[in-house]
Amino acid sequence: MQVTTIGLDLAKNIFQIHGIDDHGEVAFNRALRRAQVLAFFERLEPCLVGIEACGTSHYWARELIKLGHNVKLIPPAYVKPYVKRGKSDAVDAAAICEAVTRPTMRFVEVKTPEQQAILAVHRTRDLIVKQRTQTINMLRAQLAEFGIILPQGVYHALKFAKNSVDGEPLNLPQDAQEVVFDLCEQLLFLHAKILRHTRHMTQIAKREKRVALLRTIPGVGPITASAIVATVGSGKQFKNCREFAAWLGLTPLNRSSGGKERLGHISKMGDQYIRRLLVLGMTSRIRSIRAEPERFDPWFADILSRKPSRVAAVAMANKTARMIWAVLTRNEPYKVRII
């Protein structure tokens, strides 16, 4: 009996493995402690191993690849249909084992430690940006209770915080002044952290060749480019540019039936962070396109003249995603189309 396929259900301490042999029969379905996992796979002949793409999955995939196994990461949503009934580690491992053998299954590319390191910078910066927004909202709400209304925008909140920390008097009760002072200090601290991580991303963009190539695309800056390279890699796992745009959730949701084609809003599936960065990047370009449309691709000016700004921004993000795929797969800079 030779084990050919294994479904590995990851956990913090107790892992579940489900294996089938070359006759399609269940060879084992057992639990392993974390310290036993690598030793178990070392004793096996190289085989196909399926793992859900979740926390720590890329680490375990790299370790098993070193042992000679063919490891495939599967999005959890694509494993769910193969769960027979109930919910347990044994059932999940069996579902993973079945899903990994499907010929039409879509897999997640295993990331390198360098890619995960870049993503760690992005996730940390994104978290701090959210914390800064929470702090600004809290500061604005507290001041409003005493009749002080802060103008909208990060700039005005930072200006108020700096003036308060520098000693500008506030017409507030003593207890409220202490609270506002703490919030202002916290806001300035978080903003300094964001600037530091942004500079770090700029340094990453300078040393990574593929990031530099993506930055030749209009509207793609160092943050967006480094996030895409860290998440997607070479981009060759996608057959064409439309598949990449669909993976980002930027293509219309298809609800066709009975020979009638019905396209709705964008699917919003896939990587939400990259999709947000692309849409924000295109939103910032809209003002420039409206001011000087002759300097840009006529397609952008045309879509902006026919559609609302937000719809146009998403359409521009879709088109930019296709440019990104072409630059990544061809490994050459973006070339402006001359008409």
C-alpha atoms as a PDB file:
ATOM      1  CA  MET A   1       0.000   0.000   0.000  1.00  0.00           C
ATOM      2  CA  GLN A   2       1.346   3.408  -1.009  1.00  0.00           C
ATOM      3  CA  VAL A   3      -0.212   6.631   0.211  1.00  0.00           C
ATOM      4  CA  THR A   4      -0.804   8.951  -2.748  1.00  0.00           C
ATOM      5  CA  THR A   5      -2.895  11.828  -1.357  1.00  0.00           C
ATOM      6  CA  ILE A   6      -3.146  13.431   2.082  1.00  0.00           C
ATOM      7  CA  GLY A   7      -5.472  16.084   3.456  1.00  0.00           C
ATOM      8  CA  LEU A   8      -3.850  18.037   6.300  1.00  0.00           C
ATOM      9  CA  ASP A   9      -6.088  20.056   8.620  1.00  0.00           C
ATOM     10  CA  LEU A  10      -3.928  22.613  10.437  1.00  0.00           C
ATOM     11  CA  ALA A  11      -4.328  23.753  14.033  1.00  0.00           C
ATOM     12  CA  LYS A  12      -2.264  25.254  16.842  1.00  0.00           C
ATOM     13  CA  ASN A  13      -1.331  21.993  18.535  1.00  0.00           C
ATOM     14  CA  ILE A  14      -3.360  19.001  17.278  1.00  0.00           C
ATOM     15  CA  PHE A  15      -3.299  18.404  13.499  1.00  0.00           C
ATOM     16  CA  GLN A  16      -5.537  15.974  11.598  1.00  0.00           C
ATOM     17  CA  ILE A  17      -4.345  13.972   8.577  1.00  0.00           C
ATOM     18  CA  HIS A  18      -6.473  11.952   6.169  1.00  0.00           C
ATOM     19  CA  GLY A  19      -4.655   9.767   3.634  1.00  0.00           C
ATOM     20  CA  ILE A  20      -5.779   7.589   0.727  1.00  0.00           C
ATOM     21  CA  ASP A  21      -3.758   4.942  -1.087  1.00  0.00           C
ATOM     22  CA  ASP A  22      -3.237   4.199  -4.772  1.00  0.00           C
ATOM     23  CA  HIS A  23      -6.510   2.206  -4.835  1.00  0.00           C
ATOM     24  CA  GLY A  24      -8.546   5.135  -3.517  1.00  0.00           C
ATOM     25  CA  GLU A  25      -9.087   3.498  -0.119  1.00  0.00           C
ATOM     26  CA  VAL A  26      -8.705   5.347   3.179  1.00  0.00           C
ATOM     27  CA  ALA A  27      -5.241   4.553   4.554  1.00  0.00           C
ATOM     28  CA  PHE A  28      -5.539   6.549   7.780  1.00  0.00           C
ATOM     29  CA  ASN A  29      -7.371   9.398   9.462  1.00  0.00           C
ATOM     30  CA  ARG A  30      -5.577  10.301  12.650  1.00  0.00           C
ATOM     31  CA  ALA A  31      -4.467  13.181  14.828  1.00  0.00           C
ATOM     32  CA  LEU A  32      -0.867  14.331  15.214  1.00  0.00           C
ATOM     33  CA  ARG A  33       0.724  16.683  17.683  1.00  0.00           C
ATOM     34  CA  ARG A  34       2.608  19.634  16.249  1.00  0.00           C
ATOM     35  CA  ALA A  35       6.015  18.124  17.059  1.00  0.00           C
ATOM     36  CA  GLN A  36       5.080  14.882  15.241  1.00  0.00           C
ATOM     37  CA  VAL A  37       4.024  16.363  11.891  1.00  0.00           C
ATOM     38  CA  LEU A  38       7.372  16.708  10.111  1.00  0.00           C
ATOM     39  CA  ALA A  39       8.635  13.361  11.424  1.00  0.00           C
ATOM     40  CA  PHE A  40       5.488  11.676  10.084  1.00  0.00           C
ATOM     41  CA  PHE A  41       5.878  13.147   6.589  1.00  0.00           C
ATOM     42  CA  GLU A  42       9.594  12.317   6.532  1.00  0.00           C
ATOM     43  CA  ARG A  43       8.695   8.617   6.690  1.00  0.00           C
ATOM     44  CA  LEU A  44       6.314   8.851   3.721  1.00  0.00           C
ATOM     45  CA  GLU A  45       7.111   8.586   0.044  1.00  0.00           C
ATOM     46  CA  PRO A  46       6.542  11.884  -1.826  1.00  0.00           C
ATOM     47  CA  CYS A  47       2.816  12.376  -2.346  1.00  0.00           C
ATOM     48  CA  LEU A  48       0.150  15.025  -2.994  1.00  0.00           C
ATOM     49  CA  VAL A  49      -0.689  17.022   0.144  1.00  0.00           C
ATOM     50  CA  GLY A  50      -3.670  19.364   0.354  1.00  0.00           C
ATOM     51  CA  ILE A  51      -3.835  22.143   2.957  1.00  0.00           C
ATOM     52  CA  GLU A  52      -6.402  24.874   3.513  1.00  0.00           C
ATOM     53  CA  ALA A  53      -4.925  28.319   2.810  1.00  0.00           C
ATOM     54  CA  CYS A  54      -5.158  29.707   6.336  1.00  0.00           C
ATOM     55  CA  GLY A  55      -2.861  30.903   9.109  1.00  0.00           C
ATOM     56  CA  THR A  56       0.566  29.150   9.096  1.00  0.00           C
ATOM     57  CA  SER A  57      -0.341  27.261   5.890  1.00  0.00           C
ATOM     58  CA  HIS A  58       2.481  28.804   3.853  1.00  0.00           C
ATOM     59  CA  TYR A  59       5.045  27.839   6.507  1.00  0.00           C
ATOM     60  CA  TRP A  60       3.887  24.218   6.578  1.00  0.00           C
ATOM     61  CA  ALA A  61       3.703  24.096   2.785  1.00  0.00           C
ATOM     62  CA  ARG A  62       7.332  25.202   2.510  1.00  0.00           C
ATOM     63  CA  GLU A  63       8.450  22.649   5.105  1.00  0.00           C
ATOM     64  CA  LEU A  64       6.662  19.772   3.351  1.00  0.00           C
ATOM     65  CA  ILE A  65       7.985  20.848  -0.052  1.00  0.00           C
ATOM     66  CA  LYS A  66      11.503  20.540   1.400  1.00  0.00           C
ATOM     67  CA  LEU A  67      10.664  16.889   2.166  1.00  0.00           C
ATOM     68  CA  GLY A  68       9.770  16.300  -1.491  1.00  0.00           C
ATOM     69  CA  HIS A  69       5.982  16.403  -1.274  1.00  0.00           C
ATOM     70  CA  ASN A  70       3.722  18.123  -3.815  1.00  0.00           C
ATOM     71  CA  VAL A  71       1.826  20.617  -1.659  1.00  0.00           C
ATOM     72  CA  LYS A  72      -1.311  22.456  -2.788  1.00  0.00           C
ATOM     73  CA  LEU A  73      -3.015  25.239  -0.827  1.00  0.00           C
ATOM     74  CA  ILE A  74      -6.793  25.422  -1.257  1.00  0.00           C
ATOM     75  CA  PRO A  75      -9.007  28.412  -0.380  1.00  0.00           C
ATOM     76  CA  PRO A  76     -11.269  27.358   2.540  1.00  0.00           C
ATOM     77  CA  ALA A  77     -14.398  28.358   0.608  1.00  0.00           C
ATOM     78  CA  TYR A  78     -13.546  25.767  -2.055  1.00  0.00           C
ATOM     79  CA  VAL A  79     -13.136  23.003   0.548  1.00  0.00           C
ATOM     80  CA  LYS A  80     -16.536  23.570   2.168  1.00  0.00           C
ATOM     81  CA  PRO A  81     -18.603  21.852  -0.598  1.00  0.00           C
ATOM     82  CA  TYR A  82     -16.721  18.595   0.040  1.00  0.00           C
ATOM     83  CA  VAL A  83     -17.646  18.417   3.735  1.00  0.00           C
ATOM     84  CA  LYS A  84     -20.151  15.567   3.955  1.00  0.00           C
ATOM     85  CA  ARG A  85     -21.949  16.237   7.232  1.00  0.00           C
ATOM     86  CA  GLY A  86     -21.152  17.709  10.605  1.00  0.00           C
ATOM     87  CA  LYS A  87     -18.029  19.558  11.650  1.00  0.00           C
ATOM     88  CA  SER A  88     -14.919  17.924  13.061  1.00  0.00           C
ATOM     89  CA  ASP A  89     -11.196  17.835  12.333  1.00  0.00           C
ATOM     90  CA  ALA A  90     -11.509  14.355  10.812  1.00  0.00           C
ATOM     91  CA  VAL A  91     -14.314  15.477   8.487  1.00  0.00           C
ATOM     92  CA  ASP A  92     -12.376  18.591   7.461  1.00  0.00           C
ATOM     93  CA  ALA A  93      -9.218  16.592   6.678  1.00  0.00           C
ATOM     94  CA  ALA A  94     -11.238  14.164   4.541  1.00  0.00           C
ATOM     95  CA  ALA A  95     -12.823  17.088   2.660  1.00  0.00           C
ATOM     96  CA  ILE A  96      -9.396  18.625   1.983  1.00  0.00           C
ATOM     97  CA  CYS A  97      -8.109  15.270   0.741  1.00  0.00           C
ATOM     98  CA  GLU A  98     -10.995  14.999  -1.712  1.00  0.00           C
ATOM     99  CA  ALA A  99     -10.877  18.633  -2.842  1.00  0.00           C
ATOM    100  CA  VAL A 100      -7.162  18.559  -3.702  1.00  0.00           C
ATOM    101  CA  THR A 101      -7.741  15.789  -6.274  1.00  0.00           C
ATOM    102  CA  ARG A 102     -10.395  17.683  -8.260  1.00  0.00           C
ATOM    103  CA  PRO A 103      -9.099  18.565 -11.764  1.00  0.00           C
ATOM    104  CA  THR A 104     -10.834  21.967 -11.789  1.00  0.00           C
ATOM    105  CA  MET A 105      -9.737  23.009  -8.289  1.00  0.00           C
ATOM    106  CA  ARG A 106      -8.048  26.399  -7.916  1.00  0.00           C
ATOM    107  CA  PHE A 107      -5.023  26.679  -5.688  1.00  0.00           C
ATOM    108  CA  VAL A 108      -3.135  29.394  -3.827  1.00  0.00           C
ATOM    109  CA  GLU A 109       0.520  29.888  -4.710  1.00  0.00           C
ATOM    110  CA  VAL A 110       2.877  29.118  -1.822  1.00  0.00           C
ATOM    111  CA  LYS A 111       4.524  32.334  -0.650  1.00  0.00           C
ATOM    112  CA  THR A 112       8.218  32.696   0.117  1.00  0.00           C
ATOM    113  CA  PRO A 113       9.380  34.012   3.522  1.00  0.00           C
ATOM    114  CA  GLU A 114      10.341  37.278   1.779  1.00  0.00           C
ATOM    115  CA  GLN A 115       6.824  37.707   0.400  1.00  0.00           C
ATOM    116  CA  GLN A 116       5.297  37.084   3.810  1.00  0.00           C
ATOM    117  CA  ALA A 117       7.701  39.574   5.388  1.00  0.00           C
ATOM    118  CA  ILE A 118       6.517  42.300   2.995  1.00  0.00           C
ATOM    119  CA  LEU A 119       2.886  41.412   3.700  1.00  0.00           C
ATOM    120  CA  ALA A 120       3.604  41.639   7.436  1.00  0.00           C
ATOM    121  CA  VAL A 121       4.677  45.264   6.910  1.00  0.00           C
ATOM    122  CA  HIS A 122       1.484  45.961   4.950  1.00  0.00           C
ATOM    123  CA  ARG A 123      -0.807  44.371   7.519  1.00  0.00           C
ATOM    124  CA  THR A 124       0.867  46.187  10.377  1.00  0.00           C
ATOM    125  CA  ARG A 125       0.593  49.542   8.597  1.00  0.00           C
ATOM    126  CA  ASP A 126      -3.048  48.870   7.689  1.00  0.00           C
ATOM    127  CA  LEU A 127      -3.835  48.061  11.331  1.00  0.00           C
ATOM    128  CA  ILE A 128      -2.196  51.277  12.548  1.00  0.00           C
ATOM    129  CA  VAL A 129      -4.098  53.323   9.933  1.00  0.00           C
ATOM    130  CA  LYS A 130      -7.365  51.886  11.304  1.00  0.00           C
ATOM    131  CA  GLN A 131      -6.274  52.682  14.856  1.00  0.00           C
ATOM    132  CA  ARG A 132      -5.464  56.251  13.797  1.00  0.00           C
ATOM    133  CA  THR A 133      -8.939  56.591  12.285  1.00  0.00           C
ATOM    134  CA  GLN A 134     -10.512  55.277  15.503  1.00  0.00           C
ATOM    135  CA  THR A 135      -8.486  57.754  17.553  1.00  0.00           C
ATOM    136  CA  ILE A 136      -9.492  60.679  15.327  1.00  0.00           C
ATOM    137  CA  ASN A 137     -13.164  59.698  15.549  1.00  0.00           C
ATOM    138  CA  MET A 138     -12.934  59.433  19.333  1.00  0.00           C
ATOM    139  CA  LEU A 139     -11.169  62.798  19.576  1.00  0.00           C
ATOM    140  CA  ARG A 140     -13.717  64.464  17.314  1.00  0.00           C
ATOM    141  CA  ALA A 141     -16.629  63.010  19.307  1.00  0.00           C
ATOM    142  CA  GLN A 142     -15.207  64.107  22.671  1.00  0.00           C
ATOM    143  CA  LEU A 143     -14.551  67.654  21.455  1.00  0.00           C
ATOM    144  CA  ALA A 144     -18.013  67.929  19.900  1.00  0.00           C
ATOM    145  CA  GLU A 145     -19.559  67.368  23.347  1.00  0.00           C
ATOM    146  CA  PHE A 146     -17.970  70.665  24.407  1.00  0.00           C
ATOM    147  CA  GLY A 147     -18.856  72.589  21.262  1.00  0.00           C
ATOM    148  CA  ILE A 148     -15.494  72.215  19.506  1.00  0.00           C
ATOM    149  CA  ILE A 149     -15.955  70.909  15.955  1.00  0.00           C
ATOM    150  CA  LEU A 150     -12.883  69.627  14.133  1.00  0.00           C
ATOM    151  CA  PRO A 151     -12.876  69.993  10.335  1.00  0.00           C
ATOM    152  CA  GLN A 152     -12.942  66.745   8.363  1.00  0.00           C
ATOM    153  CA  GLY A 153      -9.658  65.162   7.349  1.00  0.00           C
ATOM    154  CA  VAL A 154      -6.534  63.721   8.918  1.00  0.00           C
ATOM    155  CA  TYR A 155      -4.580  66.933   8.333  1.00  0.00           C
ATOM    156  CA  HIS A 156      -6.828  69.045  10.584  1.00  0.00           C
ATOM    157  CA  ALA A 157      -6.888  66.398  13.326  1.00  0.00           C
ATOM    158  CA  LEU A 158      -3.089  66.177  13.313  1.00  0.00           C
ATOM    159  CA  LYS A 159      -2.773  69.963  13.380  1.00  0.00           C
ATOM    160  CA  PHE A 160      -5.089  70.172  16.396  1.00  0.00           C
ATOM    161  CA  ALA A 161      -3.229  67.337  18.151  1.00  0.00           C
ATOM    162  CA  LYS A 162       0.164  68.979  17.628  1.00  0.00           C
ATOM    163  CA  ASN A 163      -1.072  72.338  18.910  1.00  0.00           C
ATOM    164  CA  SER A 164      -2.615  70.688  21.972  1.00  0.00           C
ATOM    165  CA  VAL A 165       0.544  68.751  22.824  1.00  0.00           C
ATOM    166  CA  ASP A 166       2.598  71.935  22.344  1.00  0.00           C
ATOM    167  CA  GLY A 167       0.542  73.595  25.071  1.00  0.00           C
ATOM    168  CA  GLU A 168      -2.246  75.487  23.298  1.00  0.00           C
ATOM    169  CA  PRO A 169      -4.951  76.135  25.937  1.00  0.00           C
ATOM    170  CA  LEU A 170      -8.380  74.534  25.573  1.00  0.00           C
ATOM    171  CA  ASN A 171     -11.608  75.829  27.063  1.00  0.00           C
ATOM    172  CA  LEU A 172     -12.423  72.461  28.651  1.00  0.00           C
ATOM    173  CA  PRO A 173     -12.847  71.079  32.173  1.00  0.00           C
ATOM    174  CA  GLN A 174      -9.628  69.685  33.657  1.00  0.00           C
ATOM    175  CA  ASP A 175     -10.723  66.041  33.396  1.00  0.00           C
ATOM    176  CA  ALA A 176     -11.704  66.479  29.749  1.00  0.00           C
ATOM    177  CA  GLN A 177      -8.392  68.215  28.978  1.00  0.00           C
ATOM    178  CA  GLU A 178      -6.473  65.185  30.257  1.00  0.00           C
ATOM    179  CA  VAL A 179      -8.512  62.843  28.060  1.00  0.00           C
ATOM    180  CA  VAL A 180      -8.057  65.036  24.984  1.00  0.00           C
ATOM    181  CA  PHE A 181      -4.319  65.358  25.672  1.00  0.00           C
ATOM    182  CA  ASP A 182      -3.972  61.553  25.846  1.00  0.00           C
ATOM    183  CA  LEU A 183      -5.855  61.150  22.568  1.00  0.00           C
ATOM    184  CA  CYS A 184      -3.685  63.790  20.893  1.00  0.00           C
ATOM    185  CA  GLU A 185      -0.496  62.070  22.045  1.00  0.00           C
ATOM    186  CA  GLN A 186      -1.814  58.728  20.818  1.00  0.00           C
ATOM    187  CA  LEU A 187      -2.761  60.221  17.450  1.00  0.00           C
ATOM    188  CA  LEU A 188       0.691  61.719  16.878  1.00  0.00           C
ATOM    189  CA  PHE A 189       2.360  58.459  17.960  1.00  0.00           C
ATOM    190  CA  LEU A 190       0.277  56.394  15.507  1.00  0.00           C
ATOM    191  CA  HIS A 191       0.880  58.867  12.674  1.00  0.00           C
ATOM    192  CA  ALA A 192       4.646  58.649  13.217  1.00  0.00           C
ATOM    193  CA  LYS A 193       4.406  54.843  13.035  1.00  0.00           C
ATOM    194  CA  ILE A 194       2.490  55.065   9.748  1.00  0.00           C
ATOM    195  CA  LEU A 195       5.137  57.338   8.240  1.00  0.00           C
ATOM    196  CA  ARG A 196       7.888  54.930   9.328  1.00  0.00           C
ATOM    197  CA  HIS A 197       6.164  51.935   7.735  1.00  0.00           C
ATOM    198  CA  THR A 198       5.490  53.964   4.581  1.00  0.00           C
ATOM    199  CA  ARG A 199       9.197  54.777   4.295  1.00  0.00           C
ATOM    200  CA  HIS A 200       9.943  51.082   4.803  1.00  0.00           C
ATOM    201  CA  MET A 201       7.643  50.221   1.880  1.00  0.00           C
ATOM    202  CA  THR A 202       9.389  52.792  -0.297  1.00  0.00           C
ATOM    203  CA  GLN A 203      12.725  51.142   0.488  1.00  0.00           C
ATOM    204  CA  ILE A 204      11.254  47.744  -0.432  1.00  0.00           C
ATOM    205  CA  ALA A 205      10.040  49.199  -3.726  1.00  0.00           C
ATOM    206  CA  LYS A 206      13.555  50.388  -4.569  1.00  0.00           C
ATOM    207  CA  ARG A 207      15.230  47.008  -4.053  1.00  0.00           C
ATOM    208  CA  GLU A 208      12.568  44.750  -5.626  1.00  0.00           C
ATOM    209  CA  LYS A 209      12.751  44.602  -9.428  1.00  0.00           C
ATOM    210  CA  ARG A 210       9.136  43.545  -9.984  1.00  0.00           C
ATOM    211  CA  VAL A 211       7.897  46.330  -7.712  1.00  0.00           C
ATOM    212  CA  ALA A 212       9.896  48.833  -9.774  1.00  0.00           C
ATOM    213  CA  LEU A 213       8.332  47.455 -12.969  1.00  0.00           C
ATOM    214  CA  LEU A 214       4.805  47.827 -11.588  1.00  0.00           C
ATOM    215  CA  ARG A 215       5.496  51.422 -10.593  1.00  0.00           C
ATOM    216  CA  THR A 216       5.846  52.290 -14.291  1.00  0.00           C
ATOM    217  CA  ILE A 217       2.055  51.830 -14.541  1.00  0.00           C
ATOM    218  CA  PRO A 218       0.212  55.144 -13.986  1.00  0.00           C
ATOM    219  CA  GLY A 219      -1.648  55.150 -10.671  1.00  0.00           C
ATOM    220  CA  VAL A 220       0.400  52.330  -9.105  1.00  0.00           C
ATOM    221  CA  GLY A 221       2.625  53.552  -6.274  1.00  0.00           C
ATOM    222  CA  PRO A 222       5.105  51.776  -3.998  1.00  0.00           C
ATOM    223  CA  ILE A 223       2.471  50.584  -1.509  1.00  0.00           C
ATOM    224  CA  THR A 224       0.195  49.052  -4.154  1.00  0.00           C
ATOM    225  CA  ALA A 225       3.079  47.590  -6.150  1.00  0.00           C
ATOM    226  CA  SER A 226       4.773  45.937  -3.173  1.00  0.00           C
ATOM    227  CA  ALA A 227       1.463  44.502  -1.935  1.00  0.00           C
ATOM    228  CA  ILE A 228       0.763  42.954  -5.342  1.00  0.00           C
ATOM    229  CA  VAL A 229       4.230  41.423  -5.707  1.00  0.00           C
ATOM    230  CA  ALA A 230       4.105  40.022  -2.166  1.00  0.00           C
ATOM    231  CA  THR A 231       0.658  38.520  -2.731  1.00  0.00           C
ATOM    232  CA  VAL A 232       0.771  37.406  -6.360  1.00  0.00           C
ATOM    233  CA  GLY A 233       4.449  36.820  -7.086  1.00  0.00           C
ATOM    234  CA  SER A 234       5.086  36.289 -10.800  1.00  0.00           C
ATOM    235  CA  GLY A 235       1.375  36.253 -11.710  1.00  0.00           C
ATOM    236  CA  LYS A 236       1.873  33.203 -13.937  1.00  0.00           C
ATOM    237  CA  GLN A 237      -0.659  31.195 -11.926  1.00  0.00           C
ATOM    238  CA  PHE A 238      -3.337  33.171 -13.810  1.00  0.00           C
ATOM    239  CA  LYS A 239      -4.046  32.128 -17.402  1.00  0.00           C
ATOM    240  CA  ASN A 240      -4.828  35.627 -18.624  1.00  0.00           C
ATOM    241  CA  CYS A 241      -5.364  39.188 -17.473  1.00  0.00           C
ATOM    242  CA  ARG A 242      -9.116  38.752 -17.049  1.00  0.00           C
ATOM    243  CA  GLU A 243      -8.581  35.841 -14.668  1.00  0.00           C
ATOM    244  CA  PHE A 244      -6.346  38.065 -12.547  1.00  0.00           C
ATOM    245  CA  ALA A 245      -8.928  40.880 -12.525  1.00  0.00           C
ATOM    246  CA  ALA A 246     -11.628  38.351 -11.602  1.00  0.00           C
ATOM    247  CA  TRP A 247      -9.456  37.018  -8.773  1.00  0.00           C
ATOM    248  CA  LEU A 248      -9.299  40.559  -7.388  1.00  0.00           C
ATOM    249  CA  GLY A 249     -13.106  40.795  -7.532  1.00  0.00           C
ATOM    250  CA  LEU A 250     -13.099  43.600 -10.114  1.00  0.00           C
ATOM    251  CA  THR A 251     -15.171  41.840 -12.796  1.00  0.00           C
ATOM    252  CA  PRO A 252     -18.994  41.816 -12.998  1.00  0.00           C
ATOM    253  CA  LEU A 253     -20.883  39.070 -11.191  1.00  0.00           C
ATOM    254  CA  ASN A 254     -22.434  36.756 -13.771  1.00  0.00           C
ATOM    255  CA  ARG A 255     -26.039  35.698 -13.088  1.00  0.00           C
ATOM    256  CA  SER A 256     -26.875  34.445 -16.572  1.00  0.00           C
ATOM    257  CA  SER A 257     -29.516  31.760 -17.094  1.00  0.00           C
ATOM    258  CA  GLY A 258     -31.644  30.381 -19.924  1.00  0.00           C
ATOM    259  CA  GLY A 259     -29.395  31.871 -22.579  1.00  0.00           C
ATOM    260  CA  LYS A 260     -29.870  35.389 -21.223  1.00  0.00           C
ATOM    261  CA  GLU A 261     -26.732  37.165 -20.083  1.00  0.00           C
ATOM    262  CA  ARG A 262     -27.103  39.154 -16.872  1.00  0.00           C
ATOM    263  CA  LEU A 263     -24.077  40.971 -15.485  1.00  0.00           C
ATOM    264  CA  GLY A 264     -24.393  42.671 -12.116  1.00  0.00           C
ATOM    265  CA  HIS A 265     -22.070  44.593  -9.830  1.00  0.00           C
ATOM    266  CA  ILE A 266     -18.469  43.515  -9.300  1.00  0.00           C
ATOM    267  CA  SER A 267     -18.072  40.268  -7.375  1.00  0.00           C
ATOM    268  CA  LYS A 268     -15.880  41.776  -4.594  1.00  0.00           C
ATOM    269  CA  MET A 269     -14.291  38.360  -4.130  1.00  0.00           C
ATOM    270  CA  GLY A 270     -10.571  37.752  -3.750  1.00  0.00           C
ATOM    271  CA  ASP A 271      -8.028  40.014  -2.078  1.00  0.00           C
ATOM    272  CA  GLN A 272      -9.905  42.940  -0.548  1.00  0.00           C
ATOM    273  CA  TYR A 273      -6.747  44.854   0.403  1.00  0.00           C
ATOM    274  CA  ILE A 274      -5.281  44.990  -3.121  1.00  0.00           C
ATOM    275  CA  ARG A 275      -8.688  45.784  -4.622  1.00  0.00           C
ATOM    276  CA  ARG A 276      -9.048  48.708  -2.218  1.00  0.00           C
ATOM    277  CA  LEU A 277      -5.575  50.014  -3.054  1.00  0.00           C
ATOM    278  CA  LEU A 278      -6.280  49.885  -6.795  1.00  0.00           C
ATOM    279  CA  VAL A 279      -9.645  51.638  -6.494  1.00  0.00           C
ATOM    280  CA  LEU A 280      -8.164  54.339  -4.244  1.00  0.00           C
ATOM    281  CA  GLY A 281      -5.292  54.809  -6.686  1.00  0.00           C
ATOM    282  CA  MET A 282      -7.684  55.288  -9.592  1.00  0.00           C
ATOM    283  CA  THR A 283      -9.879  57.619  -7.537  1.00  0.00           C
ATOM    284  CA  SER A 284      -6.884  59.900  -7.019  1.00  0.00           C
ATOM    285  CA  ARG A 285      -6.254  59.937 -10.784  1.00  0.00           C
ATOM    286  CA  ILE A 286      -9.761  61.098 -11.653  1.00  0.00           C
ATOM    287  CA  ARG A 287      -9.037  64.724 -10.694  1.00  0.00           C
ATOM    288  CA  SER A 288      -5.947  64.791 -12.927  1.00  0.00           C
ATOM    289  CA  ILE A 289      -7.823  63.229 -15.843  1.00  0.00           C
ATOM    290  CA  ARG A 290     -10.609  65.801 -15.583  1.00  0.00           C
ATOM    291  CA  ALA A 291      -8.111  68.671 -15.452  1.00  0.00           C
ATOM    292  CA  GLU A 292      -5.946  67.518 -18.377  1.00  0.00           C
ATOM    293  CA  PRO A 293      -7.698  64.711 -20.300  1.00  0.00           C
ATOM    294  CA  GLU A 294      -5.338  65.062 -23.284  1.00  0.00           C
ATOM    295  CA  ARG A 295      -2.415  63.750 -21.157  1.00  0.00           C
ATOM    296  CA  PHE A 296      -4.088  60.407 -20.483  1.00  0.00           C
ATOM    297  CA  ASP A 297      -5.298  57.360 -22.369  1.00  0.00           C
ATOM    298  CA  PRO A 298      -8.526  58.384 -24.193  1.00  0.00           C
ATOM    299  CA  TRP A 299     -10.240  55.310 -22.724  1.00  0.00           C
ATOM    300  CA  PHE A 300      -9.987  56.779 -19.207  1.00  0.00           C
ATOM    301  CA  ALA A 301     -11.400  60.140 -20.258  1.00  0.00           C
ATOM    302  CA  ASP A 302     -14.209  58.416 -22.171  1.00  0.00           C
ATOM    303  CA  ILE A 303     -15.297  56.186 -19.268  1.00  0.00           C
ATOM    304  CA  LEU A 304     -15.196  59.181 -16.923  1.00  0.00           C
ATOM    305  CA  SER A 305     -17.426  61.217 -19.237  1.00  0.00           C
ATOM    306  CA  ARG A 306     -20.035  58.441 -19.451  1.00  0.00           C
ATOM    307  CA  LYS A 307     -20.114  57.020 -15.922  1.00  0.00           C
ATOM    308  CA  PRO A 308     -20.285  58.330 -12.336  1.00  0.00           C
ATOM    309  CA  SER A 309     -16.927  58.843 -10.651  1.00  0.00           C
ATOM    310  CA  ARG A 310     -17.086  55.755  -8.434  1.00  0.00           C
ATOM    311  CA  VAL A 311     -18.155  53.468 -11.251  1.00  0.00           C
ATOM    312  CA  ALA A 312     -15.403  54.904 -13.438  1.00  0.00           C
ATOM    313  CA  ALA A 313     -12.821  54.380 -10.672  1.00  0.00           C
ATOM    314  CA  VAL A 314     -13.709  50.676 -10.439  1.00  0.00           C
ATOM    315  CA  ALA A 315     -13.600  50.301 -14.232  1.00  0.00           C
ATOM    316  CA  MET A 316     -10.192  51.988 -14.288  1.00  0.00           C
ATOM    317  CA  ALA A 317      -9.001  49.668 -11.495  1.00  0.00           C
ATOM    318  CA  ASN A 318     -10.150  46.689 -13.577  1.00  0.00           C
ATOM    319  CA  LYS A 319      -8.168  47.898 -16.569  1.00  0.00           C
ATOM    320  CA  THR A 320      -5.125  48.660 -14.413  1.00  0.00           C
ATOM    321  CA  ALA A 321      -5.242  45.142 -12.947  1.00  0.00           C
ATOM    322  CA  ARG A 322      -4.945  43.751 -16.477  1.00  0.00           C
ATOM    323  CA  MET A 323      -1.944  46.003 -17.109  1.00  0.00           C
ATOM    324  CA  ILE A 324      -0.378  44.718 -13.890  1.00  0.00           C
ATOM    325  CA  TRP A 325      -0.763  41.097 -15.003  1.00  0.00           C
ATOM    326  CA  ALA A 326       0.880  41.882 -18.352  1.00  0.00           C
ATOM    327  CA  VAL A 327       3.833  43.652 -16.710  1.00  0.00           C
ATOM    328  CA  LEU A 328       4.364  40.834 -14.193  1.00  0.00           C
ATOM    329  CA  THR A 329       4.159  37.947 -16.650  1.00  0.00           C
ATOM    330  CA  ARG A 330       6.231  39.632 -19.372  1.00  0.00           C
ATOM    331  CA  ASN A 331       8.727  41.022 -16.849  1.00  0.00           C
ATOM    332  CA  GLU A 332       8.986  44.325 -18.683  1.00  0.00           C
ATOM    333  CA  PRO A 333       7.919  47.907 -17.862  1.00  0.00           C
ATOM    334  CA  TYR A 334       4.606  49.400 -18.912  1.00  0.00           C
ATOM    335  CA  LYS A 335       4.687  51.109 -22.293  1.00  0.00           C
ATOM    336  CA  VAL A 336       2.361  53.998 -22.986  1.00  0.00           C
ATOM    337  CA  ARG A 337       0.158  53.356 -25.978  1.00  0.00           C
ATOM    338  CA  ILE A 338       0.765  55.916 -28.719  1.00  0.00           C
ATOM    339  CA  ILE A 339      -2.273  56.815 -30.817  1.00  0.00           C
END
